[in-house]
Structures are given as C-alpha cells and as structure tokens.
PDB file of N, CA and C in Angstrom:
ATOM      1  N   MET A   1      36.068  21.831  55.090  1.00  0.00           N
ATOM      2  CA  MET A   1      35.707  23.245  55.266  1.00  0.00           C
ATOM      3  C   MET A   1      36.873  23.978  56.027  1.00  0.00           C
ATOM      4  N   LYS A   2      37.401  25.109  55.456  1.00  0.00           N
ATOM      5  CA  LYS A   2      38.538  25.873  55.975  1.00  0.00           C
ATOM      6  C   LYS A   2      38.003  27.307  56.308  1.00  0.00           C
ATOM      7  N   HIS A   3      38.744  28.014  57.123  1.00  0.00           N
ATOM      8  CA  HIS A   3      38.470  29.447  57.546  1.00  0.00           C
ATOM      9  C   HIS A   3      39.838  30.241  57.150  1.00  0.00           C
ATOM     10  N   PHE A   4      39.746  31.195  56.473  1.00  0.00           N
ATOM     11  CA  PHE A   4      40.927  32.034  56.140  1.00  0.00           C
ATOM     12  C   PHE A   4      40.539  33.496  56.569  1.00  0.00           C
ATOM     13  N   ASN A   5      41.575  34.209  57.328  1.00  0.00           N
ATOM     14  CA  ASN A   5      41.570  35.537  57.581  1.00  0.00           C
ATOM     15  C   ASN A   5      42.453  36.183  56.531  1.00  0.00           C
ATOM     16  N   ILE A   6      41.933  37.169  55.733  1.00  0.00           N
ATOM     17  CA  ILE A   6      42.591  37.630  54.585  1.00  0.00           C
ATOM     18  C   ILE A   6      42.714  39.139  54.783  1.00  0.00           C
ATOM     19  N   ILE A   7      43.778  39.738  54.648  1.00  0.00           N
ATOM     20  CA  ILE A   7      44.004  41.059  54.708  1.00  0.00           C
ATOM     21  C   ILE A   7      44.695  41.525  53.278  1.00  0.00           C
ATOM     22  N   ILE A   8      44.127  42.461  52.643  1.00  0.00           N
ATOM     23  CA  ILE A   8      44.483  43.067  51.457  1.00  0.00           C
ATOM     24  C   ILE A   8      44.843  44.405  51.412  1.00  0.00           C
ATOM     25  N   THR A   9      46.045  44.764  50.946  1.00  0.00           N
ATOM     26  CA  THR A   9      46.435  46.158  51.087  1.00  0.00           C
ATOM     27  C   THR A   9      46.757  46.696  49.435  1.00  0.00           C
ATOM     28  N   GLY A  10      46.850  47.879  49.428  1.00  0.00           N
ATOM     29  CA  GLY A  10      47.066  48.519  48.074  1.00  0.00           C
ATOM     30  C   GLY A  10      45.921  49.552  47.737  1.00  0.00           C
ATOM     31  N   LYS A  11      45.562  49.857  46.576  1.00  0.00           N
ATOM     32  CA  LYS A  11      44.376  50.680  46.329  1.00  0.00           C
ATOM     33  C   LYS A  11      43.085  49.815  46.386  1.00  0.00           C
ATOM     34  N   VAL A  12      42.573  49.706  47.528  1.00  0.00           N
ATOM     35  CA  VAL A  12      41.507  48.743  47.664  1.00  0.00           C
ATOM     36  C   VAL A  12      40.233  49.304  48.402  1.00  0.00           C
ATOM     37  N   GLN A  13      40.285  50.549  48.605  1.00  0.00           N
ATOM     38  CA  GLN A  13      39.009  51.156  49.180  1.00  0.00           C
ATOM     39  C   GLN A  13      38.573  52.308  48.092  1.00  0.00           C
ATOM     40  N   GLY A  14      37.209  52.319  47.984  1.00  0.00           N
ATOM     41  CA  GLY A  14      36.700  53.403  47.041  1.00  0.00           C
ATOM     42  C   GLY A  14      36.704  52.972  45.495  1.00  0.00           C
ATOM     43  N   VAL A  15      37.010  51.673  45.444  1.00  0.00           N
ATOM     44  CA  VAL A  15      37.007  51.033  44.068  1.00  0.00           C
ATOM     45  C   VAL A  15      36.080  49.862  43.897  1.00  0.00           C
ATOM     46  N   GLY A  16      35.265  49.722  44.741  1.00  0.00           N
ATOM     47  CA  GLY A  16      34.166  48.728  44.746  1.00  0.00           C
ATOM     48  C   GLY A  16      34.650  47.377  45.098  1.00  0.00           C
ATOM     49  N   PHE A  17      35.762  47.289  45.888  1.00  0.00           N
ATOM     50  CA  PHE A  17      36.294  46.058  46.277  1.00  0.00           C
ATOM     51  C   PHE A  17      35.274  45.157  47.168  1.00  0.00           C
ATOM     52  N   ARG A  18      34.576  45.703  48.050  1.00  0.00           N
ATOM     53  CA  ARG A  18      33.726  44.956  49.000  1.00  0.00           C
ATOM     54  C   ARG A  18      32.495  44.335  48.163  1.00  0.00           C
ATOM     55  N   GLU A  19      31.957  45.300  47.479  1.00  0.00           N
ATOM     56  CA  GLU A  19      30.725  44.788  46.647  1.00  0.00           C
ATOM     57  C   GLU A  19      31.096  43.583  45.700  1.00  0.00           C
ATOM     58  N   THR A  20      32.279  43.714  44.954  1.00  0.00           N
ATOM     59  CA  THR A  20      32.683  42.804  44.113  1.00  0.00           C
ATOM     60  C   THR A  20      33.015  41.549  44.769  1.00  0.00           C
ATOM     61  N   THR A  21      33.745  41.667  45.887  1.00  0.00           N
ATOM     62  CA  THR A  21      34.138  40.643  46.743  1.00  0.00           C
ATOM     63  C   THR A  21      32.866  39.672  47.035  1.00  0.00           C
ATOM     64  N   LYS A  22      31.819  40.355  47.467  1.00  0.00           N
ATOM     65  CA  LYS A  22      30.442  39.574  47.771  1.00  0.00           C
ATOM     66  C   LYS A  22      30.022  38.962  46.544  1.00  0.00           C
ATOM     67  N   ILE A  23      30.059  39.493  45.277  1.00  0.00           N
ATOM     68  CA  ILE A  23      29.532  38.833  44.150  1.00  0.00           C
ATOM     69  C   ILE A  23      30.378  37.585  43.928  1.00  0.00           C
ATOM     70  N   ILE A  24      31.735  37.748  43.898  1.00  0.00           N
ATOM     71  CA  ILE A  24      32.756  36.603  43.670  1.00  0.00           C
ATOM     72  C   ILE A  24      32.479  35.599  44.637  1.00  0.00           C
ATOM     73  N   ALA A  25      32.346  35.920  46.007  1.00  0.00           N
ATOM     74  CA  ALA A  25      32.238  34.955  47.056  1.00  0.00           C
ATOM     75  C   ALA A  25      30.899  34.227  46.837  1.00  0.00           C
ATOM     76  N   ASN A  26      29.864  34.918  46.417  1.00  0.00           N
ATOM     77  CA  ASN A  26      28.439  34.082  46.264  1.00  0.00           C
ATOM     78  C   ASN A  26      28.674  33.155  45.083  1.00  0.00           C
ATOM     79  N   GLN A  27      29.449  33.493  44.009  1.00  0.00           N
ATOM     80  CA  GLN A  27      29.567  32.711  42.872  1.00  0.00           C
ATOM     81  C   GLN A  27      30.370  31.436  43.229  1.00  0.00           C
ATOM     82  N   MET A  28      31.241  31.588  44.145  1.00  0.00           N
ATOM     83  CA  MET A  28      32.363  30.595  44.616  1.00  0.00           C
ATOM     84  C   MET A  28      31.819  29.871  45.826  1.00  0.00           C
ATOM     85  N   SER A  29      30.648  30.062  46.260  1.00  0.00           N
ATOM     86  CA  SER A  29      30.145  29.395  47.481  1.00  0.00           C
ATOM     87  C   SER A  29      30.984  29.687  48.776  1.00  0.00           C
ATOM     88  N   VAL A  30      31.390  30.863  48.778  1.00  0.00           N
ATOM     89  CA  VAL A  30      32.294  31.246  49.863  1.00  0.00           C
ATOM     90  C   VAL A  30      31.456  32.039  50.939  1.00  0.00           C
ATOM     91  N   ASN A  31      31.546  31.699  52.225  1.00  0.00           N
ATOM     92  CA  ASN A  31      30.633  32.427  53.227  1.00  0.00           C
ATOM     93  C   ASN A  31      31.664  33.263  54.098  1.00  0.00           C
ATOM     94  N   GLY A  32      31.189  34.279  54.805  1.00  0.00           N
ATOM     95  CA  GLY A  32      32.015  35.040  55.602  1.00  0.00           C
ATOM     96  C   GLY A  32      31.585  36.605  55.574  1.00  0.00           C
ATOM     97  N   PHE A  33      32.516  37.433  55.533  1.00  0.00           N
ATOM     98  CA  PHE A  33      32.403  38.930  55.407  1.00  0.00           C
ATOM     99  C   PHE A  33      33.537  39.569  54.832  1.00  0.00           C
ATOM    100  N   VAL A  34      33.440  40.902  54.388  1.00  0.00           N
ATOM    101  CA  VAL A  34      34.398  41.773  54.049  1.00  0.00           C
ATOM    102  C   VAL A  34      34.192  43.159  54.615  1.00  0.00           C
ATOM    103  N   ARG A  35      35.118  43.913  54.965  1.00  0.00           N
ATOM    104  CA  ARG A  35      35.060  45.236  55.477  1.00  0.00           C
ATOM    105  C   ARG A  35      36.246  45.999  55.282  1.00  0.00           C
ATOM    106  N   ASN A  36      36.099  47.297  55.060  1.00  0.00           N
ATOM    107  CA  ASN A  36      37.210  48.182  55.026  1.00  0.00           C
ATOM    108  C   ASN A  36      37.757  48.387  56.560  1.00  0.00           C
ATOM    109  N   GLU A  37      39.063  48.672  56.489  1.00  0.00           N
ATOM    110  CA  GLU A  37      39.809  48.935  57.845  1.00  0.00           C
ATOM    111  C   GLU A  37      40.263  50.364  57.694  1.00  0.00           C
ATOM    112  N   LYS A  38      40.362  50.778  58.951  1.00  0.00           N
ATOM    113  CA  LYS A  38      40.778  52.394  59.112  1.00  0.00           C
ATOM    114  C   LYS A  38      42.162  52.671  58.468  1.00  0.00           C
ATOM    115  N   ASP A  39      43.113  51.635  58.331  1.00  0.00           N
ATOM    116  CA  ASP A  39      44.440  51.752  57.725  1.00  0.00           C
ATOM    117  C   ASP A  39      44.309  51.676  56.351  1.00  0.00           C
ATOM    118  N   GLY A  40      43.202  51.606  55.621  1.00  0.00           N
ATOM    119  CA  GLY A  40      43.119  51.581  54.189  1.00  0.00           C
ATOM    120  C   GLY A  40      43.186  50.228  53.572  1.00  0.00           C
ATOM    121  N   SER A  41      43.181  49.245  54.401  1.00  0.00           N
ATOM    122  CA  SER A  41      43.125  47.787  53.841  1.00  0.00           C
ATOM    123  C   SER A  41      41.765  47.264  53.876  1.00  0.00           C
ATOM    124  N   VAL A  42      41.539  46.126  53.222  1.00  0.00           N
ATOM    125  CA  VAL A  42      40.377  45.309  53.242  1.00  0.00           C
ATOM    126  C   VAL A  42      40.563  44.089  54.002  1.00  0.00           C
ATOM    127  N   TYR A  43      39.651  43.658  54.922  1.00  0.00           N
ATOM    128  CA  TYR A  43      39.679  42.497  55.757  1.00  0.00           C
ATOM    129  C   TYR A  43      38.659  41.555  55.437  1.00  0.00           C
ATOM    130  N   ILE A  44      38.971  40.355  55.249  1.00  0.00           N
ATOM    131  CA  ILE A  44      37.946  39.393  54.703  1.00  0.00           C
ATOM    132  C   ILE A  44      38.084  38.101  55.639  1.00  0.00           C
ATOM    133  N   GLU A  45      36.927  37.556  56.169  1.00  0.00           N
ATOM    134  CA  GLU A  45      36.891  36.239  56.717  1.00  0.00           C
ATOM    135  C   GLU A  45      36.096  35.435  55.791  1.00  0.00           C
ATOM    136  N   ALA A  46      36.709  34.428  55.288  1.00  0.00           N
ATOM    137  CA  ALA A  46      36.179  33.530  54.215  1.00  0.00           C
ATOM    138  C   ALA A  46      36.116  32.077  54.703  1.00  0.00           C
ATOM    139  N   GLU A  47      35.082  31.330  54.530  1.00  0.00           N
ATOM    140  CA  GLU A  47      34.985  29.931  54.746  1.00  0.00           C
ATOM    141  C   GLU A  47      34.381  29.168  53.516  1.00  0.00           C
ATOM    142  N   ALA A  48      35.077  28.052  53.036  1.00  0.00           N
ATOM    143  CA  ALA A  48      34.640  27.107  52.130  1.00  0.00           C
ATOM    144  C   ALA A  48      35.397  25.955  52.094  1.00  0.00           C
ATOM    145  N   ASN A  49      35.054  25.100  51.061  1.00  0.00           N
ATOM    146  CA  ASN A  49      36.053  23.906  50.959  1.00  0.00           C
ATOM    147  C   ASN A  49      37.354  24.406  50.226  1.00  0.00           C
ATOM    148  N   ASP A  50      38.398  23.569  50.272  1.00  0.00           N
ATOM    149  CA  ASP A  50      39.736  23.982  49.895  1.00  0.00           C
ATOM    150  C   ASP A  50      39.794  24.544  48.497  1.00  0.00           C
ATOM    151  N   ILE A  51      39.026  23.836  47.552  1.00  0.00           N
ATOM    152  CA  ILE A  51      39.166  24.283  46.125  1.00  0.00           C
ATOM    153  C   ILE A  51      38.657  25.649  45.883  1.00  0.00           C
ATOM    154  N   PHE A  52      37.379  25.950  46.487  1.00  0.00           N
ATOM    155  CA  PHE A  52      36.728  27.162  46.387  1.00  0.00           C
ATOM    156  C   PHE A  52      37.579  28.343  47.016  1.00  0.00           C
ATOM    157  N   LEU A  53      38.205  27.963  48.204  1.00  0.00           N
ATOM    158  CA  LEU A  53      39.025  28.958  49.020  1.00  0.00           C
ATOM    159  C   LEU A  53      40.178  29.349  48.201  1.00  0.00           C
ATOM    160  N   GLU A  54      40.921  28.287  47.537  1.00  0.00           N
ATOM    161  CA  GLU A  54      42.015  28.606  46.765  1.00  0.00           C
ATOM    162  C   GLU A  54      41.597  29.451  45.614  1.00  0.00           C
ATOM    163  N   GLU A  55      40.563  29.286  44.936  1.00  0.00           N
ATOM    164  CA  GLU A  55      40.188  30.172  43.787  1.00  0.00           C
ATOM    165  C   GLU A  55      39.816  31.536  44.279  1.00  0.00           C
ATOM    166  N   PHE A  56      39.055  31.558  45.413  1.00  0.00           N
ATOM    167  CA  PHE A  56      38.852  32.911  46.044  1.00  0.00           C
ATOM    168  C   PHE A  56      40.110  33.790  46.286  1.00  0.00           C
ATOM    169  N   VAL A  57      41.046  33.114  46.991  1.00  0.00           N
ATOM    170  CA  VAL A  57      42.420  33.834  47.409  1.00  0.00           C
ATOM    171  C   VAL A  57      42.998  34.293  46.085  1.00  0.00           C
ATOM    172  N   ASN A  58      43.021  33.415  45.001  1.00  0.00           N
ATOM    173  CA  ASN A  58      43.546  33.832  43.702  1.00  0.00           C
ATOM    174  C   ASN A  58      42.962  35.029  43.250  1.00  0.00           C
ATOM    175  N   TRP A  59      41.648  35.077  43.343  1.00  0.00           N
ATOM    176  CA  TRP A  59      40.919  36.374  42.962  1.00  0.00           C
ATOM    177  C   TRP A  59      41.257  37.456  43.760  1.00  0.00           C
ATOM    178  N   CYS A  60      41.498  37.428  45.019  1.00  0.00           N
ATOM    179  CA  CYS A  60      41.814  38.462  45.925  1.00  0.00           C
ATOM    180  C   CYS A  60      43.166  39.099  45.440  1.00  0.00           C
ATOM    181  N   HIS A  61      43.996  38.302  44.866  1.00  0.00           N
ATOM    182  CA  HIS A  61      45.237  38.980  44.346  1.00  0.00           C
ATOM    183  C   HIS A  61      45.152  39.723  43.178  1.00  0.00           C
ATOM    184  N   GLU A  62      43.939  39.628  42.529  1.00  0.00           N
ATOM    185  CA  GLU A  62      43.513  40.508  41.268  1.00  0.00           C
ATOM    186  C   GLU A  62      42.632  41.606  41.717  1.00  0.00           C
ATOM    187  N   GLY A  63      41.449  41.274  42.454  1.00  0.00           N
ATOM    188  CA  GLY A  63      40.585  42.347  42.815  1.00  0.00           C
ATOM    189  C   GLY A  63      39.812  42.846  41.656  1.00  0.00           C
ATOM    190  N   PRO A  64      38.835  43.812  41.999  1.00  0.00           N
ATOM    191  CA  PRO A  64      38.013  44.363  40.771  1.00  0.00           C
ATOM    192  C   PRO A  64      39.144  45.318  39.961  1.00  0.00           C
ATOM    193  N   ASP A  65      38.406  45.637  38.800  1.00  0.00           N
ATOM    194  CA  ASP A  65      39.163  46.380  37.786  1.00  0.00           C
ATOM    195  C   ASP A  65      39.876  47.598  38.274  1.00  0.00           C
ATOM    196  N   ARG A  66      39.217  48.519  39.090  1.00  0.00           N
ATOM    197  CA  ARG A  66      39.758  49.638  39.424  1.00  0.00           C
ATOM    198  C   ARG A  66      40.625  49.624  40.539  1.00  0.00           C
ATOM    199  N   SER A  67      40.786  48.422  41.186  1.00  0.00           N
ATOM    200  CA  SER A  67      41.844  48.256  42.270  1.00  0.00           C
ATOM    201  C   SER A  67      43.228  48.012  41.985  1.00  0.00           C
ATOM    202  N   ARG A  68      44.066  48.214  42.936  1.00  0.00           N
ATOM    203  CA  ARG A  68      45.540  47.838  42.578  1.00  0.00           C
ATOM    204  C   ARG A  68      46.019  47.193  43.963  1.00  0.00           C
ATOM    205  N   VAL A  69      46.046  45.692  43.818  1.00  0.00           N
ATOM    206  CA  VAL A  69      46.380  45.057  45.017  1.00  0.00           C
ATOM    207  C   VAL A  69      47.824  44.969  45.167  1.00  0.00           C
ATOM    208  N   GLU A  70      48.478  45.333  46.289  1.00  0.00           N
ATOM    209  CA  GLU A  70      49.849  45.157  46.561  1.00  0.00           C
ATOM    210  C   GLU A  70      50.246  44.071  47.308  1.00  0.00           C
ATOM    211  N   ASN A  71      49.322  43.684  48.238  1.00  0.00           N
ATOM    212  CA  ASN A  71      49.692  42.455  49.124  1.00  0.00           C
ATOM    213  C   ASN A  71      48.424  41.763  49.578  1.00  0.00           C
ATOM    214  N   VAL A  72      48.607  40.443  49.734  1.00  0.00           N
ATOM    215  CA  VAL A  72      47.372  39.665  50.349  1.00  0.00           C
ATOM    216  C   VAL A  72      48.118  38.721  51.266  1.00  0.00           C
ATOM    217  N   SER A  73      47.707  39.019  52.599  1.00  0.00           N
ATOM    218  CA  SER A  73      48.089  38.137  53.599  1.00  0.00           C
ATOM    219  C   SER A  73      46.979  37.216  53.981  1.00  0.00           C
ATOM    220  N   VAL A  74      47.190  35.927  54.112  1.00  0.00           N
ATOM    221  CA  VAL A  74      46.257  34.840  54.378  1.00  0.00           C
ATOM    222  C   VAL A  74      46.713  34.036  55.612  1.00  0.00           C
ATOM    223  N   SER A  75      45.833  33.808  56.600  1.00  0.00           N
ATOM    224  CA  SER A  75      46.073  32.991  57.798  1.00  0.00           C
ATOM    225  C   SER A  75      44.988  32.170  58.052  1.00  0.00           C
ATOM    226  N   GLU A  76      45.158  30.948  58.361  1.00  0.00           N
ATOM    227  CA  GLU A  76      43.967  30.017  58.732  1.00  0.00           C
ATOM    228  C   GLU A  76      43.441  30.303  60.115  1.00  0.00           C
ATOM    229  N   GLY A  77      42.200  30.209  60.234  1.00  0.00           N
ATOM    230  CA  GLY A  77      41.529  30.580  61.550  1.00  0.00           C
ATOM    231  C   GLY A  77      40.645  29.279  61.753  1.00  0.00           C
ATOM    232  N   GLU A  78      39.922  29.557  62.899  1.00  0.00           N
ATOM    233  CA  GLU A  78      38.889  28.544  63.291  1.00  0.00           C
ATOM    234  C   GLU A  78      37.547  28.877  62.574  1.00  0.00           C
ATOM    235  N   VAL A  79      36.966  27.655  62.124  1.00  0.00           N
ATOM    236  CA  VAL A  79      35.805  27.758  61.292  1.00  0.00           C
ATOM    237  C   VAL A  79      34.584  28.381  62.210  1.00  0.00           C
ATOM    238  N   LYS A  80      33.800  29.237  61.607  1.00  0.00           N
ATOM    239  CA  LYS A  80      32.751  29.888  62.391  1.00  0.00           C
ATOM    240  C   LYS A  80      31.335  29.494  61.854  1.00  0.00           C
ATOM    241  N   ASP A  81      31.379  28.665  60.858  1.00  0.00           N
ATOM    242  CA  ASP A  81      30.062  28.320  60.338  1.00  0.00           C
ATOM    243  C   ASP A  81      29.152  29.527  59.789  1.00  0.00           C
ATOM    244  N   TYR A  82      29.846  30.466  58.952  1.00  0.00           N
ATOM    245  CA  TYR A  82      29.003  31.481  58.430  1.00  0.00           C
ATOM    246  C   TYR A  82      28.045  30.923  57.458  1.00  0.00           C
ATOM    247  N   ARG A  83      26.869  31.412  57.366  1.00  0.00           N
ATOM    248  CA  ARG A  83      25.657  30.985  56.710  1.00  0.00           C
ATOM    249  C   ARG A  83      25.646  31.748  55.339  1.00  0.00           C
ATOM    250  N   ASN A  84      26.392  32.944  55.123  1.00  0.00           N
ATOM    251  CA  ASN A  84      26.123  33.792  53.860  1.00  0.00           C
ATOM    252  C   ASN A  84      27.523  34.502  53.814  1.00  0.00           C
ATOM    253  N   PHE A  85      27.641  35.465  52.859  1.00  0.00           N
ATOM    254  CA  PHE A  85      28.623  36.336  52.689  1.00  0.00           C
ATOM    255  C   PHE A  85      28.140  37.823  52.699  1.00  0.00           C
ATOM    256  N   GLU A  86      28.618  38.611  53.770  1.00  0.00           N
ATOM    257  CA  GLU A  86      28.125  40.025  53.862  1.00  0.00           C
ATOM    258  C   GLU A  86      29.241  41.103  53.731  1.00  0.00           C
ATOM    259  N   VAL A  87      28.737  42.198  53.277  1.00  0.00           N
ATOM    260  CA  VAL A  87      29.604  43.353  53.386  1.00  0.00           C
ATOM    261  C   VAL A  87      29.312  44.124  54.642  1.00  0.00           C
ATOM    262  N   LEU A  88      30.292  44.340  55.398  1.00  0.00           N
ATOM    263  CA  LEU A  88      30.114  44.914  56.653  1.00  0.00           C
ATOM    264  C   LEU A  88      30.440  46.378  56.587  1.00  0.00           C
ATOM    265  N   ARG A  89      29.939  47.203  57.538  1.00  0.00           N
ATOM    266  CA  ARG A  89      30.600  48.639  57.608  1.00  0.00           C
ATOM    267  C   ARG A  89      31.757  48.845  58.119  1.00  0.00           C
ATOM    268  N   SER A  90      32.587  49.606  57.790  1.00  0.00           N
ATOM    269  CA  SER A  90      33.911  50.010  58.278  1.00  0.00           C
ATOM    270  C   SER A  90      34.027  49.925  59.715  1.00  0.00           C
ATOM    271  N   LYS A  91      35.155  49.232  60.256  1.00  0.00           N
ATOM    272  CA  LYS A  91      35.325  49.118  61.744  1.00  0.00           C
ATOM    273  C   LYS A  91      35.612  50.369  62.404  1.00  0.00           C
TER     274      LYS A  91
END
C-alpha cells in the first residue's frame, strides 16, 4: 500500500474533474479524496497498491474529456488508511 499526494494543474476546474476522478478511483480500488484548490489546481490524496496507483496517476495525466492537464506533480506520503474515495468541497 502506498500513499500519493497529487497536484494537477491546467484547465482542471469546472470540467467534471473531481466527479470523474471519483469514478476512476472507485474502478481502480483507489481510496482517498479529491478537491479543488483556490489557485485553480486539483489536489488528490490517493492510496492503493503499486499497480493501481500507477494506473491512476497515468489517468491523472489525461483527465476527463473537457479538461486540459498541463502538469501532474506526485509525491509519496504517509499511508492514512482511507476507507473510500470522496469528493471534498474546495478548501
């Protein structure tokens, strides 16, 4: 089990990014959360085994159809044992 902190920039707000991320995370058995940030980015904390996390990060580089991902920053963090994947309100 690994924990990734992911920051995605580009045209990633107002395009269904958070809702689509939740659907993809659920399909890939990824737990954690996604939220919009005030600077226009999307922040994700994701936990899963290596293979699922790698696929999830690959999807983050694409995003939903209406998005335009410019950069994906990934850093490893401490596992928090999330039980599901949630869409959180903007911080």
